[in-house]
PDB file of N, CA and C in Angstrom:
ATOM      1  N   MET A   1     -61.460  37.660 -14.238  1.00  0.00           N
ATOM      2  CA  MET A   1     -61.211  37.436 -15.556  1.00  0.00           C
ATOM      3  C   MET A   1     -60.446  38.043 -16.062  1.00  0.00           C
ATOM      4  N   ALA A   2     -59.612  37.649 -16.981  1.00  0.00           N
ATOM      5  CA  ALA A   2     -59.015  38.648 -17.942  1.00  0.00           C
ATOM      6  C   ALA A   2     -59.680  38.845 -19.210  1.00  0.00           C
ATOM      7  N   THR A   3     -59.763  40.065 -19.748  1.00  0.00           N
ATOM      8  CA  THR A   3     -60.350  40.340 -20.936  1.00  0.00           C
ATOM      9  C   THR A   3     -60.116  40.085 -22.146  1.00  0.00           C
ATOM     10  N   PRO A   4     -61.067  39.160 -22.920  1.00  0.00           N
ATOM     11  CA  PRO A   4     -60.550  38.803 -24.158  1.00  0.00           C
ATOM     12  C   PRO A   4     -59.784  39.601 -25.332  1.00  0.00           C
ATOM     13  N   LYS A   5     -58.688  38.922 -25.649  1.00  0.00           N
ATOM     14  CA  LYS A   5     -58.032  39.682 -26.552  1.00  0.00           C
ATOM     15  C   LYS A   5     -58.414  39.714 -28.142  1.00  0.00           C
ATOM     16  N   PHE A   6     -59.212  38.156 -28.502  1.00  0.00           N
ATOM     17  CA  PHE A   6     -59.014  38.334 -29.817  1.00  0.00           C
ATOM     18  C   PHE A   6     -60.004  37.200 -29.982  1.00  0.00           C
ATOM     19  N   LYS A   7     -60.621  36.966 -31.287  1.00  0.00           N
ATOM     20  CA  LYS A   7     -61.400  35.905 -31.649  1.00  0.00           C
ATOM     21  C   LYS A   7     -60.593  34.824 -32.602  1.00  0.00           C
ATOM     22  N   GLN A   8     -60.898  33.262 -32.692  1.00  0.00           N
ATOM     23  CA  GLN A   8     -60.186  32.303 -33.395  1.00  0.00           C
ATOM     24  C   GLN A   8     -61.267  31.201 -33.641  1.00  0.00           C
ATOM     25  N   ARG A   9     -61.262  30.916 -34.582  1.00  0.00           N
ATOM     26  CA  ARG A   9     -62.227  29.792 -35.068  1.00  0.00           C
ATOM     27  C   ARG A   9     -61.783  28.699 -34.405  1.00  0.00           C
ATOM     28  N   CYS A  10     -62.885  28.186 -33.878  1.00  0.00           N
ATOM     29  CA  CYS A  10     -62.800  26.466 -33.044  1.00  0.00           C
ATOM     30  C   CYS A  10     -61.588  25.571 -33.718  1.00  0.00           C
ATOM     31  N   GLY A  11     -61.138  24.961 -33.182  1.00  0.00           N
ATOM     32  CA  GLY A  11     -59.661  23.967 -33.582  1.00  0.00           C
ATOM     33  C   GLY A  11     -60.544  22.779 -34.081  1.00  0.00           C
ATOM     34  N   LEU A  12     -61.915  22.314 -33.988  1.00  0.00           N
ATOM     35  CA  LEU A  12     -62.394  21.331 -34.239  1.00  0.00           C
ATOM     36  C   LEU A  12     -63.253  21.338 -34.657  1.00  0.00           C
ATOM     37  N   CYS A  13     -64.239  22.105 -35.096  1.00  0.00           N
ATOM     38  CA  CYS A  13     -65.542  22.420 -35.869  1.00  0.00           C
ATOM     39  C   CYS A  13     -65.428  23.238 -37.515  1.00  0.00           C
ATOM     40  N   LYS A  14     -64.049  23.953 -36.918  1.00  0.00           N
ATOM     41  CA  LYS A  14     -63.603  25.181 -37.677  1.00  0.00           C
ATOM     42  C   LYS A  14     -65.149  26.471 -38.314  1.00  0.00           C
ATOM     43  N   LYS A  15     -66.192  26.200 -37.235  1.00  0.00           N
ATOM     44  CA  LYS A  15     -67.294  27.298 -37.730  1.00  0.00           C
ATOM     45  C   LYS A  15     -67.699  28.144 -36.870  1.00  0.00           C
ATOM     46  N   ASN A  16     -67.411  27.891 -35.383  1.00  0.00           N
ATOM     47  CA  ASN A  16     -67.871  28.735 -34.124  1.00  0.00           C
ATOM     48  C   ASN A  16     -66.247  29.557 -33.839  1.00  0.00           C
ATOM     49  N   MET A  17     -66.772  30.981 -33.657  1.00  0.00           N
ATOM     50  CA  MET A  17     -66.104  31.618 -33.101  1.00  0.00           C
ATOM     51  C   MET A  17     -65.564  31.580 -31.347  1.00  0.00           C
ATOM     52  N   VAL A  18     -64.475  31.300 -30.858  1.00  0.00           N
ATOM     53  CA  VAL A  18     -63.991  31.554 -29.476  1.00  0.00           C
ATOM     54  C   VAL A  18     -63.144  32.580 -29.390  1.00  0.00           C
ATOM     55  N   LEU A  19     -63.754  33.114 -27.888  1.00  0.00           N
ATOM     56  CA  LEU A  19     -62.893  34.171 -27.456  1.00  0.00           C
ATOM     57  C   LEU A  19     -61.459  33.351 -26.584  1.00  0.00           C
ATOM     58  N   MET A  20     -60.591  34.184 -27.120  1.00  0.00           N
ATOM     59  CA  MET A  20     -59.198  33.662 -27.126  1.00  0.00           C
ATOM     60  C   MET A  20     -58.646  34.904 -25.730  1.00  0.00           C
ATOM     61  N   TYR A  21     -57.914  34.257 -24.627  1.00  0.00           N
ATOM     62  CA  TYR A  21     -57.173  35.154 -23.560  1.00  0.00           C
ATOM     63  C   TYR A  21     -55.872  35.172 -23.868  1.00  0.00           C
ATOM     64  N   SER A  22     -55.559  34.199 -24.457  1.00  0.00           N
ATOM     65  CA  SER A  22     -53.676  33.874 -24.222  1.00  0.00           C
ATOM     66  C   SER A  22     -53.527  33.334 -25.663  1.00  0.00           C
ATOM     67  N   ARG A  23     -52.428  33.406 -26.333  1.00  0.00           N
ATOM     68  CA  ARG A  23     -51.927  32.562 -27.527  1.00  0.00           C
ATOM     69  C   ARG A  23     -51.848  31.558 -27.544  1.00  0.00           C
ATOM     70  N   LYS A  24     -51.284  31.357 -26.302  1.00  0.00           N
ATOM     71  CA  LYS A  24     -51.227  29.476 -26.065  1.00  0.00           C
ATOM     72  C   LYS A  24     -52.321  28.712 -25.933  1.00  0.00           C
ATOM     73  N   GLN A  25     -53.245  29.346 -25.879  1.00  0.00           N
ATOM     74  CA  GLN A  25     -54.820  28.709 -25.787  1.00  0.00           C
ATOM     75  C   GLN A  25     -55.137  27.591 -27.106  1.00  0.00           C
ATOM     76  N   TYR A  26     -55.861  26.712 -26.864  1.00  0.00           N
ATOM     77  CA  TYR A  26     -56.304  26.023 -27.790  1.00  0.00           C
ATOM     78  C   TYR A  26     -57.795  26.397 -28.342  1.00  0.00           C
ATOM     79  N   PRO A  27     -58.254  26.902 -28.819  1.00  0.00           N
ATOM     80  CA  PRO A  27     -59.411  27.300 -29.515  1.00  0.00           C
ATOM     81  C   PRO A  27     -60.618  26.230 -29.261  1.00  0.00           C
ATOM     82  N   VAL A  28     -61.086  25.677 -28.638  1.00  0.00           N
ATOM     83  CA  VAL A  28     -62.478  24.946 -28.820  1.00  0.00           C
ATOM     84  C   VAL A  28     -63.559  25.480 -28.220  1.00  0.00           C
ATOM     85  N   CYS A  29     -65.041  25.611 -28.910  1.00  0.00           N
ATOM     86  CA  CYS A  29     -66.246  26.389 -28.386  1.00  0.00           C
ATOM     87  C   CYS A  29     -66.927  25.493 -27.692  1.00  0.00           C
ATOM     88  N   ASN A  30     -67.826  26.047 -27.062  1.00  0.00           N
ATOM     89  CA  ASN A  30     -68.652  25.129 -26.004  1.00  0.00           C
ATOM     90  C   ASN A  30     -69.326  24.236 -26.686  1.00  0.00           C
ATOM     91  N   GLU A  31     -69.735  24.343 -27.753  1.00  0.00           N
ATOM     92  CA  GLU A  31     -70.459  23.112 -28.324  1.00  0.00           C
ATOM     93  C   GLU A  31     -69.958  21.771 -28.807  1.00  0.00           C
ATOM     94  N   CYS A  32     -68.453  22.229 -29.214  1.00  0.00           N
ATOM     95  CA  CYS A  32     -67.690  20.714 -29.460  1.00  0.00           C
ATOM     96  C   CYS A  32     -66.753  20.134 -27.873  1.00  0.00           C
ATOM     97  N   GLU A  33     -67.254  21.272 -26.879  1.00  0.00           N
ATOM     98  CA  GLU A  33     -66.538  20.614 -25.799  1.00  0.00           C
ATOM     99  C   GLU A  33     -67.721  20.078 -24.807  1.00  0.00           C
ATOM    100  N   LEU A  34     -68.857  20.413 -25.014  1.00  0.00           N
ATOM    101  CA  LEU A  34     -70.014  19.877 -24.518  1.00  0.00           C
ATOM    102  C   LEU A  34     -70.292  18.398 -25.287  1.00  0.00           C
ATOM    103  N   LYS A  35     -69.871  18.360 -26.344  1.00  0.00           N
ATOM    104  CA  LYS A  35     -69.545  17.063 -27.172  1.00  0.00           C
ATOM    105  C   LYS A  35     -68.681  15.803 -26.503  1.00  0.00           C
ATOM    106  N   GLN A  36     -67.666  16.361 -26.014  1.00  0.00           N
ATOM    107  CA  GLN A  36     -66.380  15.801 -25.435  1.00  0.00           C
ATOM    108  C   GLN A  36     -66.842  15.190 -24.163  1.00  0.00           C
ATOM    109  N   ILE A  37     -67.653  16.219 -23.480  1.00  0.00           N
ATOM    110  CA  ILE A  37     -67.873  15.617 -22.032  1.00  0.00           C
ATOM    111  C   ILE A  37     -69.214  14.765 -21.882  1.00  0.00           C
ATOM    112  N   SER A  38     -70.145  14.335 -23.191  1.00  0.00           N
ATOM    113  CA  SER A  38     -71.042  13.847 -23.168  1.00  0.00           C
ATOM    114  C   SER A  38     -71.149  12.478 -23.121  1.00  0.00           C
ATOM    115  N   HIS A  39     -69.950  11.735 -22.956  1.00  0.00           N
ATOM    116  CA  HIS A  39     -69.897  10.437 -22.935  1.00  0.00           C
ATOM    117  C   HIS A  39     -70.474   9.576 -21.621  1.00  0.00           C
ATOM    118  N   PRO A  40     -70.964   8.665 -21.749  1.00  0.00           N
ATOM    119  CA  PRO A  40     -71.865   8.056 -20.476  1.00  0.00           C
ATOM    120  C   PRO A  40     -70.528   7.675 -19.609  1.00  0.00           C
ATOM    121  N   ILE A  41     -71.302   7.619 -18.077  1.00  0.00           N
ATOM    122  CA  ILE A  41     -70.421   7.505 -17.368  1.00  0.00           C
ATOM    123  C   ILE A  41     -70.654   5.968 -16.423  1.00  0.00           C
ATOM    124  N   GLU A  42     -70.263   5.219 -16.470  1.00  0.00           N
ATOM    125  CA  GLU A  42     -70.306   3.746 -16.038  1.00  0.00           C
ATOM    126  C   GLU A  42     -70.721   3.682 -14.157  1.00  0.00           C
ATOM    127  N   ASN A  43     -69.646   4.483 -13.646  1.00  0.00           N
ATOM    128  CA  ASN A  43     -69.276   4.357 -12.280  1.00  0.00           C
ATOM    129  C   ASN A  43     -70.362   5.161 -11.443  1.00  0.00           C
ATOM    130  N   PRO A  44     -71.413   3.959 -10.601  1.00  0.00           N
ATOM    131  CA  PRO A  44     -73.335   4.765 -10.675  1.00  0.00           C
ATOM    132  C   PRO A  44     -72.822   6.023  -9.558  1.00  0.00           C
ATOM    133  N   GLU A  45     -71.457   5.942  -8.444  1.00  0.00           N
ATOM    134  CA  GLU A  45     -71.059   6.874  -7.836  1.00  0.00           C
ATOM    135  C   GLU A  45     -71.022   8.243  -8.437  1.00  0.00           C
ATOM    136  N   TYR A  46     -70.173   8.337  -9.351  1.00  0.00           N
ATOM    137  CA  TYR A  46     -69.997   9.499 -10.334  1.00  0.00           C
ATOM    138  C   TYR A  46     -70.968   9.787 -11.160  1.00  0.00           C
ATOM    139  N   LYS A  47     -71.594   8.969 -11.654  1.00  0.00           N
ATOM    140  CA  LYS A  47     -73.057   9.291 -12.542  1.00  0.00           C
ATOM    141  C   LYS A  47     -73.976  10.256 -12.210  1.00  0.00           C
ATOM    142  N   LYS A  48     -74.211   9.766 -10.486  1.00  0.00           N
ATOM    143  CA  LYS A  48     -75.104  10.725  -9.860  1.00  0.00           C
ATOM    144  C   LYS A  48     -74.369  11.997  -9.426  1.00  0.00           C
ATOM    145  N   PHE A  49     -72.834  11.921  -9.253  1.00  0.00           N
ATOM    146  CA  PHE A  49     -72.128  12.947  -9.003  1.00  0.00           C
ATOM    147  C   PHE A  49     -72.297  14.342 -10.174  1.00  0.00           C
ATOM    148  N   PHE A  50     -72.314  13.662 -11.285  1.00  0.00           N
ATOM    149  CA  PHE A  50     -71.745  14.816 -12.587  1.00  0.00           C
ATOM    150  C   PHE A  50     -73.320  14.565 -13.065  1.00  0.00           C
ATOM    151  N   ASP A  51     -74.402  14.864 -12.435  1.00  0.00           N
ATOM    152  CA  ASP A  51     -75.892  14.634 -13.203  1.00  0.00           C
ATOM    153  C   ASP A  51     -76.281  15.968 -12.766  1.00  0.00           C
ATOM    154  N   ILE A  52     -75.770  16.667 -13.149  1.00  0.00           N
ATOM    155  CA  ILE A  52     -76.457  18.085 -12.972  1.00  0.00           C
ATOM    156  C   ILE A  52     -76.970  18.498 -14.236  1.00  0.00           C
ATOM    157  N   PRO A  53     -77.935  19.609 -14.291  1.00  0.00           N
ATOM    158  CA  PRO A  53     -78.754  20.590 -15.467  1.00  0.00           C
ATOM    159  C   PRO A  53     -77.437  20.585 -16.265  1.00  0.00           C
ATOM    160  N   GLU A  54     -77.573  20.390 -17.556  1.00  0.00           N
ATOM    161  CA  GLU A  54     -76.947  20.709 -18.750  1.00  0.00           C
ATOM    162  C   GLU A  54     -76.696  22.162 -18.981  1.00  0.00           C
ATOM    163  N   LYS A  55     -77.401  23.113 -18.584  1.00  0.00           N
ATOM    164  CA  LYS A  55     -77.114  24.709 -18.693  1.00  0.00           C
ATOM    165  C   LYS A  55     -76.158  24.773 -17.767  1.00  0.00           C
ATOM    166  N   PHE A  56     -75.917  24.331 -16.425  1.00  0.00           N
ATOM    167  CA  PHE A  56     -74.503  24.489 -15.575  1.00  0.00           C
ATOM    168  C   PHE A  56     -73.485  24.424 -16.919  1.00  0.00           C
ATOM    169  N   TYR A  57     -73.286  23.330 -17.351  1.00  0.00           N
ATOM    170  CA  TYR A  57     -71.960  22.521 -18.202  1.00  0.00           C
ATOM    171  C   TYR A  57     -71.847  24.051 -19.596  1.00  0.00           C
ATOM    172  N   GLN A  58     -73.027  24.519 -19.560  1.00  0.00           N
ATOM    173  CA  GLN A  58     -73.062  25.047 -20.481  1.00  0.00           C
ATOM    174  C   GLN A  58     -72.292  26.893 -20.296  1.00  0.00           C
ATOM    175  N   GLU A  59     -72.524  26.839 -18.991  1.00  0.00           N
ATOM    176  CA  GLU A  59     -72.217  28.512 -18.625  1.00  0.00           C
ATOM    177  C   GLU A  59     -71.199  28.277 -17.838  1.00  0.00           C
ATOM    178  N   SER A  60     -70.621  26.928 -17.675  1.00  0.00           N
ATOM    179  CA  SER A  60     -69.079  27.240 -16.575  1.00  0.00           C
ATOM    180  C   SER A  60     -67.980  26.444 -16.956  1.00  0.00           C
ATOM    181  N   TYR A  61     -67.343  26.773 -17.651  1.00  0.00           N
ATOM    182  CA  TYR A  61     -66.076  26.102 -18.232  1.00  0.00           C
ATOM    183  C   TYR A  61     -65.271  25.302 -16.643  1.00  0.00           C
ATOM    184  N   PHE A  62     -65.203  25.741 -15.702  1.00  0.00           N
ATOM    185  CA  PHE A  62     -64.462  24.810 -14.936  1.00  0.00           C
ATOM    186  C   PHE A  62     -65.479  23.440 -14.648  1.00  0.00           C
ATOM    187  N   LEU A  63     -67.046  23.647 -14.729  1.00  0.00           N
ATOM    188  CA  LEU A  63     -67.919  22.274 -14.175  1.00  0.00           C
ATOM    189  C   LEU A  63     -67.307  21.259 -15.888  1.00  0.00           C
ATOM    190  N   ARG A  64     -67.232  22.136 -16.796  1.00  0.00           N
ATOM    191  CA  ARG A  64     -66.871  20.952 -18.107  1.00  0.00           C
ATOM    192  C   ARG A  64     -65.523  20.780 -18.342  1.00  0.00           C
ATOM    193  N   ASN A  65     -64.628  21.554 -17.586  1.00  0.00           N
ATOM    194  CA  ASN A  65     -63.215  21.259 -17.015  1.00  0.00           C
ATOM    195  C   ASN A  65     -62.981  19.882 -16.101  1.00  0.00           C
ATOM    196  N   ILE A  66     -63.591  19.945 -14.997  1.00  0.00           N
ATOM    197  CA  ILE A  66     -63.684  18.850 -14.317  1.00  0.00           C
ATOM    198  C   ILE A  66     -64.496  17.901 -14.402  1.00  0.00           C
ATOM    199  N   LYS A  67     -65.462  17.510 -15.333  1.00  0.00           N
ATOM    200  CA  LYS A  67     -65.693  16.129 -16.040  1.00  0.00           C
ATOM    201  C   LYS A  67     -65.052  15.816 -16.987  1.00  0.00           C
ATOM    202  N   ALA A  68     -64.789  16.516 -18.033  1.00  0.00           N
ATOM    203  CA  ALA A  68     -63.554  16.209 -18.706  1.00  0.00           C
ATOM    204  C   ALA A  68     -62.452  15.562 -18.173  1.00  0.00           C
ATOM    205  N   SER A  69     -62.034  15.999 -16.994  1.00  0.00           N
ATOM    206  CA  SER A  69     -60.521  15.468 -16.069  1.00  0.00           C
ATOM    207  C   SER A  69     -61.230  14.081 -15.482  1.00  0.00           C
ATOM    208  N   TYR A  70     -62.480  13.683 -15.641  1.00  0.00           N
ATOM    209  CA  TYR A  70     -62.621  12.982 -14.878  1.00  0.00           C
ATOM    210  C   TYR A  70     -62.884  11.523 -15.943  1.00  0.00           C
ATOM    211  N   LEU A  71     -63.376  12.191 -16.845  1.00  0.00           N
ATOM    212  CA  LEU A  71     -63.625  11.342 -18.336  1.00  0.00           C
ATOM    213  C   LEU A  71     -62.216  10.523 -18.654  1.00  0.00           C
ATOM    214  N   ARG A  72     -60.971  11.708 -18.724  1.00  0.00           N
ATOM    215  CA  ARG A  72     -59.847  11.195 -19.060  1.00  0.00           C
ATOM    216  C   ARG A  72     -59.169  10.423 -17.969  1.00  0.00           C
ATOM    217  N   PHE A  73     -59.284  10.663 -16.895  1.00  0.00           N
ATOM    218  CA  PHE A  73     -58.550  10.172 -15.990  1.00  0.00           C
ATOM    219  C   PHE A  73     -59.321   9.037 -14.784  1.00  0.00           C
ATOM    220  N   ASP A  74     -60.478   8.625 -15.227  1.00  0.00           N
ATOM    221  CA  ASP A  74     -61.452   7.866 -14.154  1.00  0.00           C
ATOM    222  C   ASP A  74     -61.297   8.050 -12.487  1.00  0.00           C
ATOM    223  N   SER A  75     -60.925   9.416 -12.408  1.00  0.00           N
ATOM    224  CA  SER A  75     -61.311   9.820 -10.859  1.00  0.00           C
ATOM    225  C   SER A  75     -60.814  11.445 -10.914  1.00  0.00           C
ATOM    226  N   ILE A  76     -61.086  11.857  -9.595  1.00  0.00           N
ATOM    227  CA  ILE A  76     -60.766  13.387  -9.301  1.00  0.00           C
ATOM    228  C   ILE A  76     -60.497  13.284  -8.016  1.00  0.00           C
ATOM    229  N   THR A  77     -60.127  14.370  -7.913  1.00  0.00           N
ATOM    230  CA  THR A  77     -59.641  14.498  -6.243  1.00  0.00           C
ATOM    231  C   THR A  77     -60.264  14.990  -5.458  1.00  0.00           C
ATOM    232  N   ASP A  78     -60.148  14.979  -4.038  1.00  0.00           N
ATOM    233  CA  ASP A  78     -61.203  15.353  -3.249  1.00  0.00           C
ATOM    234  C   ASP A  78     -61.494  17.032  -3.416  1.00  0.00           C
ATOM    235  N   ARG A  79     -60.603  18.039  -3.089  1.00  0.00           N
ATOM    236  CA  ARG A  79     -60.624  19.034  -3.641  1.00  0.00           C
ATOM    237  C   ARG A  79     -61.036  19.084  -5.180  1.00  0.00           C
ATOM    238  N   GLN A  80     -61.236  18.588  -6.052  1.00  0.00           N
ATOM    239  CA  GLN A  80     -61.796  18.975  -7.221  1.00  0.00           C
ATOM    240  C   GLN A  80     -63.460  18.471  -7.148  1.00  0.00           C
ATOM    241  N   LYS A  81     -63.649  17.523  -6.130  1.00  0.00           N
ATOM    242  CA  LYS A  81     -65.199  17.332  -5.947  1.00  0.00           C
ATOM    243  C   LYS A  81     -65.770  18.243  -5.006  1.00  0.00           C
ATOM    244  N   GLU A  82     -65.011  19.127  -4.170  1.00  0.00           N
ATOM    245  CA  GLU A  82     -65.462  19.773  -3.137  1.00  0.00           C
ATOM    246  C   GLU A  82     -65.913  21.291  -4.309  1.00  0.00           C
ATOM    247  N   ALA A  83     -64.571  21.437  -4.575  1.00  0.00           N
ATOM    248  CA  ALA A  83     -65.140  22.611  -5.881  1.00  0.00           C
ATOM    249  C   ALA A  83     -66.350  22.805  -6.704  1.00  0.00           C
ATOM    250  N   PHE A  84     -66.595  21.358  -7.038  1.00  0.00           N
ATOM    251  CA  PHE A  84     -67.419  20.961  -7.943  1.00  0.00           C
ATOM    252  C   PHE A  84     -68.611  21.360  -7.448  1.00  0.00           C
ATOM    253  N   LEU A  85     -68.854  20.836  -6.221  1.00  0.00           N
ATOM    254  CA  LEU A  85     -70.078  20.924  -5.530  1.00  0.00           C
ATOM    255  C   LEU A  85     -70.410  22.643  -5.053  1.00  0.00           C
ATOM    256  N   LYS A  86     -69.216  22.802  -4.850  1.00  0.00           N
ATOM    257  CA  LYS A  86     -69.292  24.421  -4.143  1.00  0.00           C
ATOM    258  C   LYS A  86     -69.784  25.586  -5.366  1.00  0.00           C
ATOM    259  N   THR A  87     -69.284  24.749  -6.503  1.00  0.00           N
ATOM    260  CA  THR A  87     -69.710  25.923  -7.630  1.00  0.00           C
ATOM    261  C   THR A  87     -71.116  25.251  -8.016  1.00  0.00           C
ATOM    262  N   VAL A  88     -71.476  24.292  -8.060  1.00  0.00           N
ATOM    263  CA  VAL A  88     -73.327  23.730  -8.445  1.00  0.00           C
ATOM    264  C   VAL A  88     -73.749  24.516  -7.576  1.00  0.00           C
ATOM    265  N   GLU A  89     -73.684  24.552  -6.140  1.00  0.00           N
ATOM    266  CA  GLU A  89     -74.343  24.841  -5.280  1.00  0.00           C
ATOM    267  C   GLU A  89     -74.570  26.488  -5.297  1.00  0.00           C
ATOM    268  N   ASP A  90     -73.240  27.241  -5.628  1.00  0.00           N
ATOM    269  CA  ASP A  90     -73.453  28.663  -5.794  1.00  0.00           C
ATOM    270  C   ASP A  90     -74.122  28.802  -7.106  1.00  0.00           C
ATOM    271  N   MET A  91     -74.204  27.887  -7.980  1.00  0.00           N
ATOM    272  CA  MET A  91     -75.265  28.315  -9.048  1.00  0.00           C
ATOM    273  C   MET A  91     -76.631  28.236  -9.174  1.00  0.00           C
ATOM    274  N   LYS A  92     -77.077  27.217  -7.891  1.00  0.00           N
ATOM    275  CA  LYS A  92     -78.221  26.958  -8.107  1.00  0.00           C
ATOM    276  C   LYS A  92     -78.689  28.041  -7.144  1.00  0.00           C
ATOM    277  N   VAL A  93     -78.149  28.390  -6.048  1.00  0.00           N
ATOM    278  CA  VAL A  93     -78.628  29.578  -5.111  1.00  0.00           C
ATOM    279  C   VAL A  93     -78.886  30.626  -6.699  1.00  0.00           C
ATOM    280  N   GLY A  94     -77.490  31.267  -7.041  1.00  0.00           N
ATOM    281  CA  GLY A  94     -77.840  32.331  -7.758  1.00  0.00           C
ATOM    282  C   GLY A  94     -79.131  32.506  -8.941  1.00  0.00           C
ATOM    283  N   LYS A  95     -79.381  31.106  -9.534  1.00  0.00           N
ATOM    284  CA  LYS A  95     -80.688  30.677 -10.104  1.00  0.00           C
ATOM    285  C   LYS A  95     -81.742  31.147  -9.047  1.00  0.00           C
ATOM    286  N   LYS A  96     -81.978  31.153  -7.634  1.00  0.00           N
ATOM    287  CA  LYS A  96     -82.859  31.247  -7.312  1.00  0.00           C
ATOM    288  C   LYS A  96     -83.182  32.530  -6.710  1.00  0.00           C
ATOM    289  N   LYS A  97     -81.970  33.433  -7.128  1.00  0.00           N
ATOM    290  CA  LYS A  97     -81.997  34.894  -6.799  1.00  0.00           C
ATOM    291  C   LYS A  97     -82.720  35.412  -7.488  1.00  0.00           C
ATOM    292  N   GLU A  98     -81.942  35.128  -8.975  1.00  0.00           N
ATOM    293  CA  GLU A  98     -82.759  35.547  -9.929  1.00  0.00           C
ATOM    294  C   GLU A  98     -84.394  35.593 -10.476  1.00  0.00           C
ATOM    295  N   GLU A  99     -84.593  34.239 -10.070  1.00  0.00           N
ATOM    296  CA  GLU A  99     -86.012  33.738 -10.149  1.00  0.00           C
ATOM    297  C   GLU A  99     -86.675  34.868  -9.243  1.00  0.00           C
ATOM    298  N   LYS A 100     -86.241  35.215  -7.803  1.00  0.00           N
ATOM    299  CA  LYS A 100     -87.206  35.575  -6.927  1.00  0.00           C
ATOM    300  C   LYS A 100     -87.403  37.249  -7.176  1.00  0.00           C
ATOM    301  N   LYS A 101     -86.207  37.770  -8.090  1.00  0.00           N
ATOM    302  CA  LYS A 101     -86.172  39.005  -8.620  1.00  0.00           C
ATOM    303  C   LYS A 101     -87.338  39.386  -9.531  1.00  0.00           C
ATOM    304  N   GLU A 102     -87.166  38.341 -10.416  1.00  0.00           N
ATOM    305  CA  GLU A 102     -88.279  38.328 -11.655  1.00  0.00           C
ATOM    306  C   GLU A 102     -89.684  38.284 -10.985  1.00  0.00           C
ATOM    307  N   GLU A 103     -89.614  38.162 -10.066  1.00  0.00           N
ATOM    308  CA  GLU A 103     -91.147  37.810  -9.344  1.00  0.00           C
ATOM    309  C   GLU A 103     -91.671  39.271  -8.968  1.00  0.00           C
TER     310      GLU A 103
END
């Protein structure tokens, strides 16, 4: 991942600072992004699919982006599903490894 170049205030709430990587990027803080993706999902299949711990969404821009795409278009591609599941599984395995190290 590229190193952040500068900070800028969130374009929605105007109070939190966002690390910016490009001048073309629109600044949105994690808090505002989580508010945007917190809308309820009616489809039972996708409701179960997106039912992962909130902490995973807080840590991963990628997971937030996939959920936002679903909320915008009411569908995601098979590749997006696979990548989402792989990322969630990697995060779960990473959490288990960290817990074992602490013990």
